[in-house]
Protein backbone atom coordinates (compact mmCIF):
# COMPACT_ATOMS: atom_id res chain seq x y z
CA MET A 1 -87.19 -10.22 0.20
CA ALA A 2 -88.47 -8.55 -2.92
CA GLN A 3 -85.24 -6.65 -3.23
CA SER A 4 -83.02 -9.81 -3.18
CA GLU A 5 -85.15 -11.47 -5.86
CA SER A 6 -85.15 -8.52 -8.23
CA PRO A 7 -83.67 -9.29 -11.69
CA GLN A 8 -80.99 -6.64 -11.27
CA ASN A 9 -79.57 -8.20 -8.09
CA VAL A 10 -79.85 -11.74 -9.45
CA GLY A 11 -78.11 -10.63 -12.67
CA GLN A 12 -75.35 -8.94 -10.72
CA LEU A 13 -74.99 -12.02 -8.53
CA TRP A 14 -74.87 -14.28 -11.60
CA HIS A 15 -72.27 -12.02 -13.24
CA LEU A 16 -70.18 -12.08 -10.04
CA ILE A 17 -70.41 -15.88 -9.89
CA GLU A 18 -69.35 -16.19 -13.55
CA ARG A 19 -66.42 -13.87 -12.95
CA GLU A 20 -65.35 -15.82 -9.87
CA LEU A 21 -65.67 -19.13 -11.72
CA THR A 22 -63.57 -17.79 -14.58
CA ASP A 23 -60.93 -16.70 -12.07
CA VAL A 24 -61.02 -20.09 -10.33
CA LYS A 25 -60.77 -21.90 -13.70
CA ARG A 26 -57.77 -19.77 -14.69
CA ARG A 27 -56.08 -20.57 -11.39
CA LEU A 28 -56.80 -24.27 -11.70
CA ASP A 29 -55.43 -24.31 -15.24
CA SER A 30 -52.12 -23.03 -13.89
CA TYR A 31 -51.77 -26.00 -11.53
CA VAL A 32 -50.37 -29.33 -12.65
CA THR A 33 -51.35 -32.77 -11.49
CA LYS A 34 -48.95 -35.00 -9.59
CA ASP A 35 -48.58 -37.18 -12.68
CA GLN A 36 -47.64 -34.16 -14.77
CA PHE A 37 -45.22 -32.98 -12.10
CA ASP A 38 -43.63 -36.44 -11.86
CA ALA A 39 -43.33 -36.65 -15.65
CA GLU A 40 -41.70 -33.22 -15.83
CA LYS A 41 -39.40 -34.16 -12.97
CA ARG A 42 -38.35 -37.39 -14.75
CA LEU A 43 -37.75 -35.43 -17.95
CA LEU A 44 -35.65 -32.87 -16.10
CA GLU A 45 -33.65 -35.62 -14.37
CA ALA A 46 -33.05 -37.31 -17.72
CA ARG A 47 -31.84 -34.03 -19.23
CA ILE A 48 -29.54 -33.42 -16.26
CA SER A 49 -28.20 -36.96 -16.51
CA ALA A 50 -27.55 -36.53 -20.23
CA ALA A 51 -25.77 -33.23 -19.57
CA GLU A 52 -23.62 -34.85 -16.87
CA GLU A 53 -22.67 -37.66 -19.27
CA LYS A 54 -21.75 -35.10 -21.94
CA ILE A 55 -19.59 -33.22 -19.42
CA LYS A 56 -17.84 -36.46 -18.43
CA GLU A 57 -17.25 -37.26 -22.10
CA LEU A 58 -15.83 -33.78 -22.73
CA ASN A 59 -13.57 -34.09 -19.67
CA ARG A 60 -12.29 -37.48 -20.90
CA ALA A 61 -11.62 -36.01 -24.34
CA ALA A 62 -9.79 -33.05 -22.78
CA ARG A 63 -7.63 -35.36 -20.65
CA GLN A 64 -6.80 -37.51 -23.69
CA GLU A 65 -5.90 -34.44 -25.70
CA GLN A 66 -3.70 -33.15 -22.89
CA SER A 67 -1.99 -36.51 -22.61
CA SER A 68 -1.46 -36.57 -26.37
CA ARG A 69 0.09 -33.10 -26.29
CA GLN A 70 2.41 -34.12 -23.46
CA GLN A 71 3.44 -37.20 -25.42
CA SER A 72 4.11 -35.04 -28.48
CA ARG A 73 6.31 -32.74 -26.41
CA ARG A 74 8.25 -35.71 -25.04
CA GLU A 75 8.74 -37.07 -28.54
CA PHE A 76 9.93 -33.67 -29.72
CA VAL A 77 12.47 -33.54 -26.92
CA TYR A 78 13.63 -37.13 -27.43
CA LYS A 79 13.63 -37.10 -31.24
CA GLY A 80 14.44 -33.47 -31.91
CA ILE A 81 16.33 -31.61 -29.24
CA ILE A 82 18.49 -34.41 -27.79
CA PRO A 83 19.92 -35.53 -31.16
CA VAL A 84 20.62 -31.91 -32.11
CA LEU A 85 22.37 -31.34 -28.78
CA ALA A 86 24.37 -34.53 -29.31
CA LEU A 87 25.49 -33.29 -32.75
CA ILE A 88 26.44 -29.89 -31.29
CA ILE A 89 28.44 -31.56 -28.50
CA ALA A 90 30.15 -33.83 -31.04
CA ALA A 91 30.95 -30.83 -33.25
CA LEU A 92 32.34 -28.88 -30.28
CA SER A 93 34.41 -31.89 -29.23
CA LEU A 94 35.85 -32.21 -32.74
CA PHE A 95 36.52 -28.48 -32.84
CA ALA A 96 38.23 -28.60 -29.43
CA ALA A 97 40.25 -31.68 -30.44
CA THR A 98 41.54 -30.02 -33.59
CA LYS A 99 42.88 -26.98 -31.75
């Protein structure tokens, strides 16, 4: 009994308890509460939702740009190539008629 009550053993025990409490406190600090987890989850879901909306917006813009390019190509064919071909055919017809 005298040995367990000696200041050296009590001091060592107290030091061990303090060390264990520090370790437990550090571990507890790394955990989050359910409210914190739910808040972080809502924040993450909001960020994901915003990213999905941005992707949809970019896809719409890409489709519109592609459609615009296709329309420009059609206009080029209708307003550029076809009239030039018509003039070439007319010129060849006139050339063939004069021979």
